[in-house]
């Protein structure tokens, strides 16, 4: 019985401890942050266009029908262009894209407007 006394004291001491969970409040806050995250619209259509000056532009038309991502190089950074209304031209950062099908008109900040075809 004397061997059980230290073990019994240990169990009583542990029983008095406040239980904790891994993650606790921090985990709850992380879930709330993740729930508030909004994903960007999916890509609805992608085209590679060859313009009149023989350059290529890469345009991703997004599912919200109000946003396109424009790249002037295949692996270059996206320039996000937006439209105020569906069916209107997309603009931003000095660029403007008119159209969305097999041909577009591209207005760029460093050159004249030109027709581009996919």
PDB file of N, CA and C in Angstrom:
ATOM      1  N   UNK A   1       0.818  -1.180   0.000  1.00  0.00           N
ATOM      2  CA  UNK A   1       0.000   0.000   0.000  1.00  0.00           C
ATOM      3  C   UNK A   1       0.867   1.250   0.000  1.00  0.00           C
ATOM      4  N   UNK A   2       2.034   1.200   0.611  1.00  0.00           N
ATOM      5  CA  UNK A   2       2.907   2.366   0.677  1.00  0.00           C
ATOM      6  C   UNK A   2       3.443   2.724  -0.700  1.00  0.00           C
ATOM      7  N   UNK A   3       3.554   1.747  -1.617  1.00  0.00           N
ATOM      8  CA  UNK A   3       4.002   2.024  -2.975  1.00  0.00           C
ATOM      9  C   UNK A   3       2.932   2.749  -3.787  1.00  0.00           C
ATOM     10  N   UNK A   4       1.689   2.583  -3.451  1.00  0.00           N
ATOM     11  CA  UNK A   4       0.597   3.204  -4.178  1.00  0.00           C
ATOM     12  C   UNK A   4       0.369   4.649  -3.743  1.00  0.00           C
ATOM     13  N   UNK A   5       0.837   5.022  -2.566  1.00  0.00           N
ATOM     14  CA  UNK A   5       0.601   6.363  -2.040  1.00  0.00           C
ATOM     15  C   UNK A   5       1.174   7.458  -2.949  1.00  0.00           C
ATOM     16  N   UNK A   6       2.436   7.360  -3.435  1.00  0.00           N
ATOM     17  CA  UNK A   6       2.951   8.405  -4.320  1.00  0.00           C
ATOM     18  C   UNK A   6       2.187   8.459  -5.643  1.00  0.00           C
ATOM     19  N   UNK A   7       1.789   7.332  -6.162  1.00  0.00           N
ATOM     20  CA  UNK A   7       1.054   7.303  -7.418  1.00  0.00           C
ATOM     21  C   UNK A   7      -0.317   7.933  -7.242  1.00  0.00           C
ATOM     22  N   UNK A   8      -0.976   7.645  -6.135  1.00  0.00           N
ATOM     23  CA  UNK A   8      -2.279   8.211  -5.832  1.00  0.00           C
ATOM     24  C   UNK A   8      -2.190   9.729  -5.690  1.00  0.00           C
ATOM     25  N   UNK A   9      -1.133  10.209  -5.029  1.00  0.00           N
ATOM     26  CA  UNK A   9      -0.929  11.658  -4.893  1.00  0.00           C
ATOM     27  C   UNK A   9      -0.723  12.311  -6.260  1.00  0.00           C
ATOM     28  N   UNK A  10       0.001  11.639  -7.127  1.00  0.00           N
ATOM     29  CA  UNK A  10       0.241  12.156  -8.477  1.00  0.00           C
ATOM     30  C   UNK A  10      -1.061  12.266  -9.256  1.00  0.00           C
ATOM     31  N   UNK A  11      -1.888  11.246  -9.204  1.00  0.00           N
ATOM     32  CA  UNK A  11      -3.179  11.281  -9.892  1.00  0.00           C
ATOM     33  C   UNK A  11      -4.072  12.387  -9.351  1.00  0.00           C
ATOM     34  N   UNK A  12      -4.081  12.583  -8.031  1.00  0.00           N
ATOM     35  CA  UNK A  12      -4.884  13.655  -7.452  1.00  0.00           C
ATOM     36  C   UNK A  12      -4.371  15.027  -7.893  1.00  0.00           C
ATOM     37  N   UNK A  13      -3.069  15.182  -7.966  1.00  0.00           N
ATOM     38  CA  UNK A  13      -2.500  16.457  -8.399  1.00  0.00           C
ATOM     39  C   UNK A  13      -2.843  16.728  -9.865  1.00  0.00           C
ATOM     40  N   UNK A  14      -2.757  15.697 -10.689  1.00  0.00           N
ATOM     41  CA  UNK A  14      -3.084  15.874 -12.106  1.00  0.00           C
ATOM     42  C   UNK A  14      -4.571  16.138 -12.312  1.00  0.00           C
ATOM     43  N   UNK A  15      -5.410  15.554 -11.508  1.00  0.00           N
ATOM     44  CA  UNK A  15      -6.847  15.755 -11.627  1.00  0.00           C
ATOM     45  C   UNK A  15      -7.231  17.203 -11.321  1.00  0.00           C
ATOM     46  N   UNK A  16      -6.445  17.884 -10.504  1.00  0.00           N
ATOM     47  CA  UNK A  16      -6.733  19.266 -10.148  1.00  0.00           C
ATOM     48  C   UNK A  16      -6.284  20.249 -11.231  1.00  0.00           C
ATOM     49  N   UNK A  17      -5.508  19.786 -12.204  1.00  0.00           N
ATOM     50  CA  UNK A  17      -5.013  20.669 -13.264  1.00  0.00           C
ATOM     51  C   UNK A  17      -6.127  21.006 -14.244  1.00  0.00           C
ATOM     52  N   UNK A  18      -6.042  22.210 -14.793  1.00  0.00           N
ATOM     53  CA  UNK A  18      -6.997  22.636 -15.811  1.00  0.00           C
ATOM     54  C   UNK A  18      -6.597  21.982 -17.136  1.00  0.00           C
ATOM     55  N   UNK A  19      -7.535  21.293 -17.804  1.00  0.00           N
ATOM     56  CA  UNK A  19      -7.179  20.660 -19.071  1.00  0.00           C
ATOM     57  C   UNK A  19      -6.979  21.721 -20.156  1.00  0.00           C
ATOM     58  N   UNK A  20      -6.029  21.462 -21.010  1.00  0.00           N
ATOM     59  CA  UNK A  20      -5.796  22.367 -22.136  1.00  0.00           C
ATOM     60  C   UNK A  20      -5.861  21.557 -23.416  1.00  0.00           C
ATOM     61  N   UNK A  21      -6.173  22.245 -24.488  1.00  0.00           N
ATOM     62  CA  UNK A  21      -6.199  21.575 -25.782  1.00  0.00           C
ATOM     63  C   UNK A  21      -5.149  22.212 -26.670  1.00  0.00           C
ATOM     64  N   UNK A  22      -4.646  21.441 -27.571  1.00  0.00           N
ATOM     65  CA  UNK A  22      -3.664  21.962 -28.508  1.00  0.00           C
ATOM     66  C   UNK A  22      -4.388  22.887 -29.465  1.00  0.00           C
ATOM     67  N   UNK A  23      -3.858  24.071 -29.665  1.00  0.00           N
ATOM     68  CA  UNK A  23      -4.489  25.044 -30.541  1.00  0.00           C
ATOM     69  C   UNK A  23      -5.272  26.067 -29.750  1.00  0.00           C
ATOM     70  N   UNK A  24      -6.081  25.630 -28.811  1.00  0.00           N
ATOM     71  CA  UNK A  24      -6.839  26.508 -27.929  1.00  0.00           C
ATOM     72  C   UNK A  24      -7.476  27.665 -28.654  1.00  0.00           C
ATOM     73  N   UNK A  25      -7.396  28.854 -28.065  1.00  0.00           N
ATOM     74  CA  UNK A  25      -7.991  30.043 -28.656  1.00  0.00           C
ATOM     75  C   UNK A  25      -7.313  30.411 -29.961  1.00  0.00           C
ATOM     76  N   UNK A  26      -6.035  30.206 -30.051  1.00  0.00           N
ATOM     77  CA  UNK A  26      -5.317  30.546 -31.274  1.00  0.00           C
ATOM     78  C   UNK A  26      -5.873  29.735 -32.444  1.00  0.00           C
ATOM     79  N   UNK A  27      -6.169  28.480 -32.233  1.00  0.00           N
ATOM     80  CA  UNK A  27      -6.759  27.640 -33.276  1.00  0.00           C
ATOM     81  C   UNK A  27      -8.128  28.142 -33.680  1.00  0.00           C
ATOM     82  N   UNK A  28      -8.933  28.598 -32.717  1.00  0.00           N
ATOM     83  CA  UNK A  28     -10.250  29.144 -33.017  1.00  0.00           C
ATOM     84  C   UNK A  28     -10.132  30.415 -33.847  1.00  0.00           C
ATOM     85  N   UNK A  29      -9.171  31.284 -33.497  1.00  0.00           N
ATOM     86  CA  UNK A  29      -8.972  32.513 -34.260  1.00  0.00           C
ATOM     87  C   UNK A  29      -8.529  32.205 -35.680  1.00  0.00           C
ATOM     88  N   UNK A  30      -7.696  31.200 -35.849  1.00  0.00           N
ATOM     89  CA  UNK A  30      -7.227  30.822 -37.184  1.00  0.00           C
ATOM     90  C   UNK A  30      -8.391  30.338 -38.036  1.00  0.00           C
ATOM     91  N   UNK A  31      -9.316  29.566 -37.441  1.00  0.00           N
ATOM     92  CA  UNK A  31     -10.477  29.106 -38.189  1.00  0.00           C
ATOM     93  C   UNK A  31     -11.347  30.276 -38.613  1.00  0.00           C
ATOM     94  N   UNK A  32     -11.519  31.259 -37.749  1.00  0.00           N
ATOM     95  CA  UNK A  32     -12.311  32.434 -38.096  1.00  0.00           C
ATOM     96  C   UNK A  32     -11.654  33.204 -39.228  1.00  0.00           C
ATOM     97  N   UNK A  33     -10.343  33.318 -39.206  1.00  0.00           N
ATOM     98  CA  UNK A  33      -9.624  34.012 -40.270  1.00  0.00           C
ATOM     99  C   UNK A  33      -9.782  33.261 -41.586  1.00  0.00           C
ATOM    100  N   UNK A  34      -9.664  31.955 -41.556  1.00  0.00           N
ATOM    101  CA  UNK A  34      -9.807  31.162 -42.775  1.00  0.00           C
ATOM    102  C   UNK A  34     -11.224  31.251 -43.328  1.00  0.00           C
ATOM    103  N   UNK A  35     -12.221  31.299 -42.456  1.00  0.00           N
ATOM    104  CA  UNK A  35     -13.602  31.380 -42.907  1.00  0.00           C
ATOM    105  C   UNK A  35     -13.865  32.713 -43.607  1.00  0.00           C
ATOM    106  N   UNK A  36     -13.160  33.768 -43.220  1.00  0.00           N
ATOM    107  CA  UNK A  36     -13.376  35.089 -43.800  1.00  0.00           C
ATOM    108  C   UNK A  36     -12.622  35.276 -45.119  1.00  0.00           C
ATOM    109  N   UNK A  37     -11.710  34.381 -45.453  1.00  0.00           N
ATOM    110  CA  UNK A  37     -10.926  34.517 -46.674  1.00  0.00           C
ATOM    111  C   UNK A  37     -11.819  34.319 -47.890  1.00  0.00           C
ATOM    112  N   UNK A  38     -11.651  35.182 -48.888  1.00  0.00           N
ATOM    113  CA  UNK A  38     -12.424  35.091 -50.114  1.00  0.00           C
ATOM    114  C   UNK A  38     -11.467  34.733 -51.248  1.00  0.00           C
ATOM    115  N   UNK A  39     -11.781  33.698 -51.950  1.00  0.00           N
ATOM    116  CA  UNK A  39     -10.945  33.263 -53.059  1.00  0.00           C
ATOM    117  C   UNK A  39     -11.197  34.136 -54.279  1.00  0.00           C
ATOM    118  N   UNK A  40     -10.178  34.349 -55.102  1.00  0.00           N
ATOM    119  CA  UNK A  40     -10.395  35.111 -56.336  1.00  0.00           C
ATOM    120  C   UNK A  40     -11.237  34.287 -57.305  1.00  0.00           C
ATOM    121  N   UNK A  41     -11.856  34.943 -58.275  1.00  0.00           N
ATOM    122  CA  UNK A  41     -12.649  34.184 -59.243  1.00  0.00           C
ATOM    123  C   UNK A  41     -11.773  33.226 -60.049  1.00  0.00           C
ATOM    124  N   UNK A  42     -12.368  32.149 -60.484  1.00  0.00           N
ATOM    125  CA  UNK A  42     -11.655  31.151 -61.290  1.00  0.00           C
ATOM    126  C   UNK A  42     -11.428  31.685 -62.710  1.00  0.00           C
ATOM    127  N   UNK A  43     -10.477  31.095 -63.397  1.00  0.00           N
ATOM    128  CA  UNK A  43     -10.231  31.455 -64.794  1.00  0.00           C
ATOM    129  C   UNK A  43     -11.300  30.781 -65.651  1.00  0.00           C
ATOM    130  N   UNK A  44     -12.049  31.598 -66.395  1.00  0.00           N
ATOM    131  CA  UNK A  44     -13.100  31.096 -67.271  1.00  0.00           C
ATOM    132  C   UNK A  44     -12.536  30.704 -68.633  1.00  0.00           C
ATOM    133  N   UNK A  45     -11.580  31.504 -69.125  1.00  0.00           N
ATOM    134  CA  UNK A  45     -11.044  31.295 -70.462  1.00  0.00           C
ATOM    135  C   UNK A  45      -9.658  31.931 -70.548  1.00  0.00           C
ATOM    136  N   UNK A  46      -8.754  31.314 -71.260  1.00  0.00           N
ATOM    137  CA  UNK A  46      -7.407  31.857 -71.471  1.00  0.00           C
ATOM    138  C   UNK A  46      -7.115  31.898 -72.957  1.00  0.00           C
ATOM    139  N   UNK A  47      -6.490  32.990 -73.385  1.00  0.00           N
ATOM    140  CA  UNK A  47      -6.117  33.129 -74.794  1.00  0.00           C
ATOM    141  C   UNK A  47      -4.703  33.680 -74.895  1.00  0.00           C
ATOM    142  N   UNK A  48      -4.007  33.234 -75.921  1.00  0.00           N
ATOM    143  CA  UNK A  48      -2.745  33.846 -76.329  1.00  0.00           C
ATOM    144  C   UNK A  48      -3.067  34.584 -77.617  1.00  0.00           C
ATOM    145  N   UNK A  49      -2.802  35.878 -77.624  1.00  0.00           N
ATOM    146  CA  UNK A  49      -3.094  36.707 -78.793  1.00  0.00           C
ATOM    147  C   UNK A  49      -1.808  37.170 -79.452  1.00  0.00           C
ATOM    148  N   UNK A  50      -1.797  37.151 -80.789  1.00  0.00           N
ATOM    149  CA  UNK A  50      -0.698  37.732 -81.547  1.00  0.00           C
ATOM    150  C   UNK A  50      -1.202  39.066 -82.070  1.00  0.00           C
ATOM    151  N   UNK A  51      -0.460  40.106 -81.727  1.00  0.00           N
ATOM    152  CA  UNK A  51      -0.870  41.458 -82.091  1.00  0.00           C
ATOM    153  C   UNK A  51      -0.266  41.865 -83.425  1.00  0.00           C
ATOM    154  N   UNK A  52      -0.761  42.990 -83.943  1.00  0.00           N
ATOM    155  CA  UNK A  52      -0.351  43.476 -85.254  1.00  0.00           C
ATOM    156  C   UNK A  52       1.160  43.707 -85.355  1.00  0.00           C
ATOM    157  N   UNK A  53       1.804  44.094 -84.237  1.00  0.00           N
ATOM    158  CA  UNK A  53       3.263  44.312 -84.245  1.00  0.00           C
ATOM    159  C   UNK A  53       4.046  43.016 -84.046  1.00  0.00           C
ATOM    160  N   UNK A  54       3.352  41.870 -84.104  1.00  0.00           N
ATOM    161  CA  UNK A  54       3.918  40.527 -83.969  1.00  0.00           C
ATOM    162  C   UNK A  54       4.273  40.143 -82.532  1.00  0.00           C
ATOM    163  N   UNK A  55       3.867  40.940 -81.551  1.00  0.00           N
ATOM    164  CA  UNK A  55       4.093  40.583 -80.147  1.00  0.00           C
ATOM    165  C   UNK A  55       2.973  39.659 -79.670  1.00  0.00           C
ATOM    166  N   UNK A  56       3.234  38.966 -78.580  1.00  0.00           N
ATOM    167  CA  UNK A  56       2.239  38.088 -77.972  1.00  0.00           C
ATOM    168  C   UNK A  56       1.772  38.684 -76.646  1.00  0.00           C
ATOM    169  N   UNK A  57       0.481  38.526 -76.361  1.00  0.00           N
ATOM    170  CA  UNK A  57      -0.051  38.873 -75.044  1.00  0.00           C
ATOM    171  C   UNK A  57      -0.889  37.696 -74.567  1.00  0.00           C
ATOM    172  N   UNK A  58      -0.904  37.511 -73.263  1.00  0.00           N
ATOM    173  CA  UNK A  58      -1.580  36.383 -72.627  1.00  0.00           C
ATOM    174  C   UNK A  58      -2.680  36.959 -71.751  1.00  0.00           C
ATOM    175  N   UNK A  59      -3.936  36.551 -72.020  1.00  0.00           N
ATOM    176  CA  UNK A  59      -5.072  37.116 -71.296  1.00  0.00           C
ATOM    177  C   UNK A  59      -5.892  35.985 -70.688  1.00  0.00           C
ATOM    178  N   UNK A  60      -6.101  36.061 -69.367  1.00  0.00           N
ATOM    179  CA  UNK A  60      -6.976  35.137 -68.653  1.00  0.00           C
ATOM    180  C   UNK A  60      -8.255  35.891 -68.312  1.00  0.00           C
ATOM    181  N   UNK A  61      -9.383  35.417 -68.820  1.00  0.00           N
ATOM    182  CA  UNK A  61     -10.674  36.010 -68.520  1.00  0.00           C
ATOM    183  C   UNK A  61     -11.248  35.269 -67.313  1.00  0.00           C
ATOM    184  N   UNK A  62     -11.582  36.001 -66.256  1.00  0.00           N
ATOM    185  CA  UNK A  62     -12.032  35.379 -65.017  1.00  0.00           C
ATOM    186  C   UNK A  62     -13.550  35.217 -65.001  1.00  0.00           C
ATOM    187  N   UNK A  63     -14.013  34.299 -64.162  1.00  0.00           N
ATOM    188  CA  UNK A  63     -15.419  33.899 -64.123  1.00  0.00           C
ATOM    189  C   UNK A  63     -16.368  35.011 -63.673  1.00  0.00           C
ATOM    190  N   UNK A  64     -15.867  36.042 -63.024  1.00  0.00           N
ATOM    191  CA  UNK A  64     -16.765  37.130 -62.598  1.00  0.00           C
ATOM    192  C   UNK A  64     -17.145  38.045 -63.761  1.00  0.00           C
ATOM    193  N   UNK A  65     -16.561  37.831 -64.945  1.00  0.00           N
ATOM    194  CA  UNK A  65     -16.814  38.609 -66.169  1.00  0.00           C
ATOM    195  C   UNK A  65     -16.484  40.088 -66.024  1.00  0.00           C
ATOM    196  N   UNK A  66     -15.773  40.460 -64.981  1.00  0.00           N
ATOM    197  CA  UNK A  66     -15.382  41.849 -64.758  1.00  0.00           C
ATOM    198  C   UNK A  66     -13.875  42.009 -64.562  1.00  0.00           C
ATOM    199  N   UNK A  67     -13.136  40.900 -64.634  1.00  0.00           N
ATOM    200  CA  UNK A  67     -11.705  40.940 -64.363  1.00  0.00           C
ATOM    201  C   UNK A  67     -10.954  40.105 -65.392  1.00  0.00           C
ATOM    202  N   UNK A  68      -9.812  40.625 -65.844  1.00  0.00           N
ATOM    203  CA  UNK A  68      -8.890  39.843 -66.671  1.00  0.00           C
ATOM    204  C   UNK A  68      -7.489  40.021 -66.105  1.00  0.00           C
ATOM    205  N   UNK A  69      -6.669  39.014 -66.309  1.00  0.00           N
ATOM    206  CA  UNK A  69      -5.242  39.091 -65.988  1.00  0.00           C
ATOM    207  C   UNK A  69      -4.499  39.135 -67.305  1.00  0.00           C
ATOM    208  N   UNK A  70      -3.667  40.148 -67.482  1.00  0.00           N
ATOM    209  CA  UNK A  70      -2.915  40.363 -68.710  1.00  0.00           C
ATOM    210  C   UNK A  70      -1.432  40.166 -68.423  1.00  0.00           C
ATOM    211  N   UNK A  71      -0.753  39.423 -69.318  1.00  0.00           N
ATOM    212  CA  UNK A  71       0.703  39.279 -69.242  1.00  0.00           C
ATOM    213  C   UNK A  71       1.268  39.629 -70.616  1.00  0.00           C
ATOM    214  N   UNK A  72       2.336  40.390 -70.618  1.00  0.00           N
ATOM    215  CA  UNK A  72       2.989  40.719 -71.882  1.00  0.00           C
ATOM    216  C   UNK A  72       4.137  39.762 -72.185  1.00  0.00           C
ATOM    217  N   UNK A  73       4.472  38.903 -71.218  1.00  0.00           N
ATOM    218  CA  UNK A  73       5.458  37.836 -71.398  1.00  0.00           C
ATOM    219  C   UNK A  73       4.849  36.569 -70.822  1.00  0.00           C
ATOM    220  N   UNK A  74       5.183  35.425 -71.407  1.00  0.00           N
ATOM    221  CA  UNK A  74       4.562  34.165 -70.987  1.00  0.00           C
ATOM    222  C   UNK A  74       4.717  33.914 -69.488  1.00  0.00           C
ATOM    223  N   UNK A  75       5.891  34.127 -68.966  1.00  0.00           N
ATOM    224  CA  UNK A  75       6.146  33.903 -67.539  1.00  0.00           C
ATOM    225  C   UNK A  75       6.197  35.220 -66.759  1.00  0.00           C
ATOM    226  N   UNK A  76       5.695  36.289 -67.353  1.00  0.00           N
ATOM    227  CA  UNK A  76       5.730  37.601 -66.706  1.00  0.00           C
ATOM    228  C   UNK A  76       4.658  37.753 -65.650  1.00  0.00           C
ATOM    229  N   UNK A  77       4.704  38.862 -64.923  1.00  0.00           N
ATOM    230  CA  UNK A  77       3.709  39.105 -63.869  1.00  0.00           C
ATOM    231  C   UNK A  77       2.353  39.473 -64.472  1.00  0.00           C
ATOM    232  N   UNK A  78       1.296  39.145 -63.737  1.00  0.00           N
ATOM    233  CA  UNK A  78      -0.057  39.514 -64.148  1.00  0.00           C
ATOM    234  C   UNK A  78      -0.299  40.986 -63.896  1.00  0.00           C
ATOM    235  N   UNK A  79      -0.988  41.629 -64.827  1.00  0.00           N
ATOM    236  CA  UNK A  79      -1.532  42.961 -64.618  1.00  0.00           C
ATOM    237  C   UNK A  79      -3.037  42.749 -64.578  1.00  0.00           C
ATOM    238  N   UNK A  80      -3.671  43.076 -63.458  1.00  0.00           N
ATOM    239  CA  UNK A  80      -5.099  42.871 -63.306  1.00  0.00           C
ATOM    240  C   UNK A  80      -5.850  44.070 -63.862  1.00  0.00           C
ATOM    241  N   UNK A  81      -6.743  43.793 -64.800  1.00  0.00           N
ATOM    242  CA  UNK A  81      -7.586  44.809 -65.408  1.00  0.00           C
ATOM    243  C   UNK A  81      -9.028  44.537 -65.016  1.00  0.00           C
ATOM    244  N   UNK A  82      -9.782  45.575 -64.743  1.00  0.00           N
ATOM    245  CA  UNK A  82     -11.166  45.404 -64.333  1.00  0.00           C
ATOM    246  C   UNK A  82     -12.105  46.197 -65.222  1.00  0.00           C
ATOM    247  N   UNK A  83     -13.358  45.803 -65.185  1.00  0.00           N
ATOM    248  CA  UNK A  83     -14.404  46.469 -65.943  1.00  0.00           C
ATOM    249  C   UNK A  83     -15.499  46.890 -64.980  1.00  0.00           C
ATOM    250  N   UNK A  84     -16.069  48.062 -65.213  1.00  0.00           N
ATOM    251  CA  UNK A  84     -17.138  48.530 -64.333  1.00  0.00           C
ATOM    252  C   UNK A  84     -18.442  47.780 -64.601  1.00  0.00           C
ATOM    253  N   UNK A  85     -18.660  47.343 -65.823  1.00  0.00           N
ATOM    254  CA  UNK A  85     -19.868  46.608 -66.201  1.00  0.00           C
ATOM    255  C   UNK A  85     -19.510  45.458 -67.122  1.00  0.00           C
ATOM    256  N   UNK A  86     -20.340  44.415 -67.090  1.00  0.00           N
ATOM    257  CA  UNK A  86     -20.134  43.295 -67.999  1.00  0.00           C
ATOM    258  C   UNK A  86     -20.240  43.784 -69.435  1.00  0.00           C
ATOM    259  N   UNK A  87     -19.358  43.294 -70.296  1.00  0.00           N
ATOM    260  CA  UNK A  87     -19.391  43.664 -71.696  1.00  0.00           C
ATOM    261  C   UNK A  87     -18.618  44.932 -72.026  1.00  0.00           C
ATOM    262  N   UNK A  88     -18.123  45.643 -71.032  1.00  0.00           N
ATOM    263  CA  UNK A  88     -17.340  46.860 -71.255  1.00  0.00           C
ATOM    264  C   UNK A  88     -15.865  46.494 -71.323  1.00  0.00           C
ATOM    265  N   UNK A  89     -15.016  47.452 -71.701  1.00  0.00           N
ATOM    266  CA  UNK A  89     -13.580  47.192 -71.779  1.00  0.00           C
ATOM    267  C   UNK A  89     -12.987  47.060 -70.376  1.00  0.00           C
ATOM    268  N   UNK A  90     -11.853  46.372 -70.296  1.00  0.00           N
ATOM    269  CA  UNK A  90     -11.128  46.142 -69.051  1.00  0.00           C
ATOM    270  C   UNK A  90      -9.947  47.108 -69.018  1.00  0.00           C
ATOM    271  N   UNK A  91      -9.693  47.746 -67.880  1.00  0.00           N
ATOM    272  CA  UNK A  91      -8.582  48.697 -67.822  1.00  0.00           C
ATOM    273  C   UNK A  91      -7.896  48.660 -66.463  1.00  0.00           C
ATOM    274  N   UNK A  92      -6.644  49.114 -66.460  1.00  0.00           N
ATOM    275  CA  UNK A  92      -5.846  49.199 -65.243  1.00  0.00           C
ATOM    276  C   UNK A  92      -4.375  49.311 -65.592  1.00  0.00           C
ATOM    277  N   UNK A  93      -3.620  50.028 -64.772  1.00  0.00           N
ATOM    278  CA  UNK A  93      -2.164  50.187 -64.927  1.00  0.00           C
ATOM    279  C   UNK A  93      -1.768  50.690 -66.312  1.00  0.00           C
ATOM    280  N   UNK A  94      -2.606  51.514 -66.933  1.00  0.00           N
ATOM    281  CA  UNK A  94      -2.286  52.064 -68.243  1.00  0.00           C
ATOM    282  C   UNK A  94      -2.685  51.186 -69.416  1.00  0.00           C
ATOM    283  N   UNK A  95      -3.176  49.968 -69.156  1.00  0.00           N
ATOM    284  CA  UNK A  95      -3.604  49.056 -70.207  1.00  0.00           C
ATOM    285  C   UNK A  95      -5.121  49.096 -70.333  1.00  0.00           C
ATOM    286  N   UNK A  96      -5.602  48.763 -71.535  1.00  0.00           N
ATOM    287  CA  UNK A  96      -7.031  48.588 -71.760  1.00  0.00           C
ATOM    288  C   UNK A  96      -7.211  47.474 -72.772  1.00  0.00           C
ATOM    289  N   UNK A  97      -8.132  46.567 -72.486  1.00  0.00           N
ATOM    290  CA  UNK A  97      -8.456  45.466 -73.385  1.00  0.00           C
ATOM    291  C   UNK A  97      -9.926  45.602 -73.751  1.00  0.00           C
ATOM    292  N   UNK A  98     -10.200  45.665 -75.058  1.00  0.00           N
ATOM    293  CA  UNK A  98     -11.568  45.684 -75.563  1.00  0.00           C
ATOM    294  C   UNK A  98     -11.823  44.357 -76.257  1.00  0.00           C
ATOM    295  N   UNK A  99     -12.921  43.701 -75.896  1.00  0.00           N
ATOM    296  CA  UNK A  99     -13.268  42.413 -76.494  1.00  0.00           C
ATOM    297  C   UNK A  99     -12.873  41.265 -75.591  1.00  0.00           C
ATOM    298  N   UNK A 100     -13.335  40.053 -75.980  1.00  0.00           N
ATOM    299  CA  UNK A 100     -13.015  38.898 -75.143  1.00  0.00           C
ATOM    300  C   UNK A 100     -12.991  37.594 -75.927  1.00  0.00           C
ATOM    301  N   UNK A 101     -13.218  37.606 -77.194  1.00  0.00           N
ATOM    302  CA  UNK A 101     -13.264  36.375 -77.973  1.00  0.00           C
ATOM    303  C   UNK A 101     -11.988  36.123 -78.727  1.00  0.00           C
ATOM    304  N   UNK A 102     -12.128  35.756 -80.001  1.00  0.00           N
ATOM    305  CA  UNK A 102     -10.942  35.433 -80.796  1.00  0.00           C
ATOM    306  C   UNK A 102     -10.106  36.649 -81.183  1.00  0.00           C
ATOM    307  N   UNK A 103     -10.645  37.875 -80.981  1.00  0.00           N
ATOM    308  CA  UNK A 103      -9.837  39.064 -81.250  1.00  0.00           C
ATOM    309  C   UNK A 103     -10.133  40.133 -80.206  1.00  0.00           C
ATOM    310  N   UNK A 104      -9.099  40.903 -79.894  1.00  0.00           N
ATOM    311  CA  UNK A 104      -9.215  41.998 -78.933  1.00  0.00           C
ATOM    312  C   UNK A 104      -8.500  43.223 -79.505  1.00  0.00           C
ATOM    313  N   UNK A 105      -8.784  44.357 -78.916  1.00  0.00           N
ATOM    314  CA  UNK A 105      -8.011  45.565 -79.176  1.00  0.00           C
ATOM    315  C   UNK A 105      -7.254  45.868 -77.901  1.00  0.00           C
ATOM    316  N   UNK A 106      -5.949  46.013 -78.007  1.00  0.00           N
ATOM    317  CA  UNK A 106      -5.093  46.266 -76.849  1.00  0.00           C
ATOM    318  C   UNK A 106      -4.567  47.694 -76.909  1.00  0.00           C
ATOM    319  N   UNK A 107      -4.792  48.430 -75.842  1.00  0.00           N
ATOM    320  CA  UNK A 107      -4.216  49.760 -75.662  1.00  0.00           C
ATOM    321  C   UNK A 107      -3.169  49.609 -74.559  1.00  0.00           C
ATOM    322  N   UNK A 108      -1.916  49.896 -74.854  1.00  0.00           N
ATOM    323  CA  UNK A 108      -0.864  49.755 -73.840  1.00  0.00           C
ATOM    324  C   UNK A 108      -0.239  51.114 -73.565  1.00  0.00           C
ATOM    325  N   UNK A 109       0.331  51.300 -72.382  1.00  0.00           N
ATOM    326  CA  UNK A 109       0.901  52.595 -72.031  1.00  0.00           C
ATOM    327  C   UNK A 109       2.161  52.947 -72.833  1.00  0.00           C
ATOM    328  N   UNK A 110       2.802  51.943 -73.439  1.00  0.00           N
ATOM    329  CA  UNK A 110       4.059  52.212 -74.140  1.00  0.00           C
ATOM    330  C   UNK A 110       3.970  52.052 -75.653  1.00  0.00           C
ATOM    331  N   UNK A 111       2.748  52.101 -76.196  1.00  0.00           N
ATOM    332  CA  UNK A 111       2.632  51.962 -77.648  1.00  0.00           C
ATOM    333  C   UNK A 111       1.229  52.286 -78.121  1.00  0.00           C
ATOM    334  N   UNK A 112       1.034  52.262 -79.440  1.00  0.00           N
ATOM    335  CA  UNK A 112      -0.290  52.569 -79.987  1.00  0.00           C
ATOM    336  C   UNK A 112      -1.258  51.403 -79.789  1.00  0.00           C
ATOM    337  N   UNK A 113      -2.542  51.674 -79.954  1.00  0.00           N
ATOM    338  CA  UNK A 113      -3.565  50.635 -79.897  1.00  0.00           C
ATOM    339  C   UNK A 113      -3.353  49.691 -81.071  1.00  0.00           C
ATOM    340  N   UNK A 114      -3.640  48.417 -80.849  1.00  0.00           N
ATOM    341  CA  UNK A 114      -3.479  47.455 -81.940  1.00  0.00           C
ATOM    342  C   UNK A 114      -4.446  46.299 -81.804  1.00  0.00           C
ATOM    343  N   UNK A 115      -4.762  45.701 -82.932  1.00  0.00           N
ATOM    344  CA  UNK A 115      -5.622  44.534 -82.987  1.00  0.00           C
ATOM    345  C   UNK A 115      -4.769  43.308 -82.682  1.00  0.00           C
ATOM    346  N   UNK A 116      -5.355  42.378 -81.922  1.00  0.00           N
ATOM    347  CA  UNK A 116      -4.664  41.131 -81.583  1.00  0.00           C
ATOM    348  C   UNK A 116      -5.630  39.978 -81.809  1.00  0.00           C
ATOM    349  N   UNK A 117      -5.142  38.868 -82.362  1.00  0.00           N
ATOM    350  CA  UNK A 117      -5.977  37.700 -82.654  1.00  0.00           C
ATOM    351  C   UNK A 117      -5.390  36.448 -82.031  1.00  0.00           C
ATOM    352  N   UNK A 118      -6.307  35.573 -81.581  1.00  0.00           N
ATOM    353  CA  UNK A 118      -5.832  34.325 -80.973  1.00  0.00           C
ATOM    354  C   UNK A 118      -5.685  33.245 -82.019  1.00  0.00           C
TER     355      UNK A 118
END
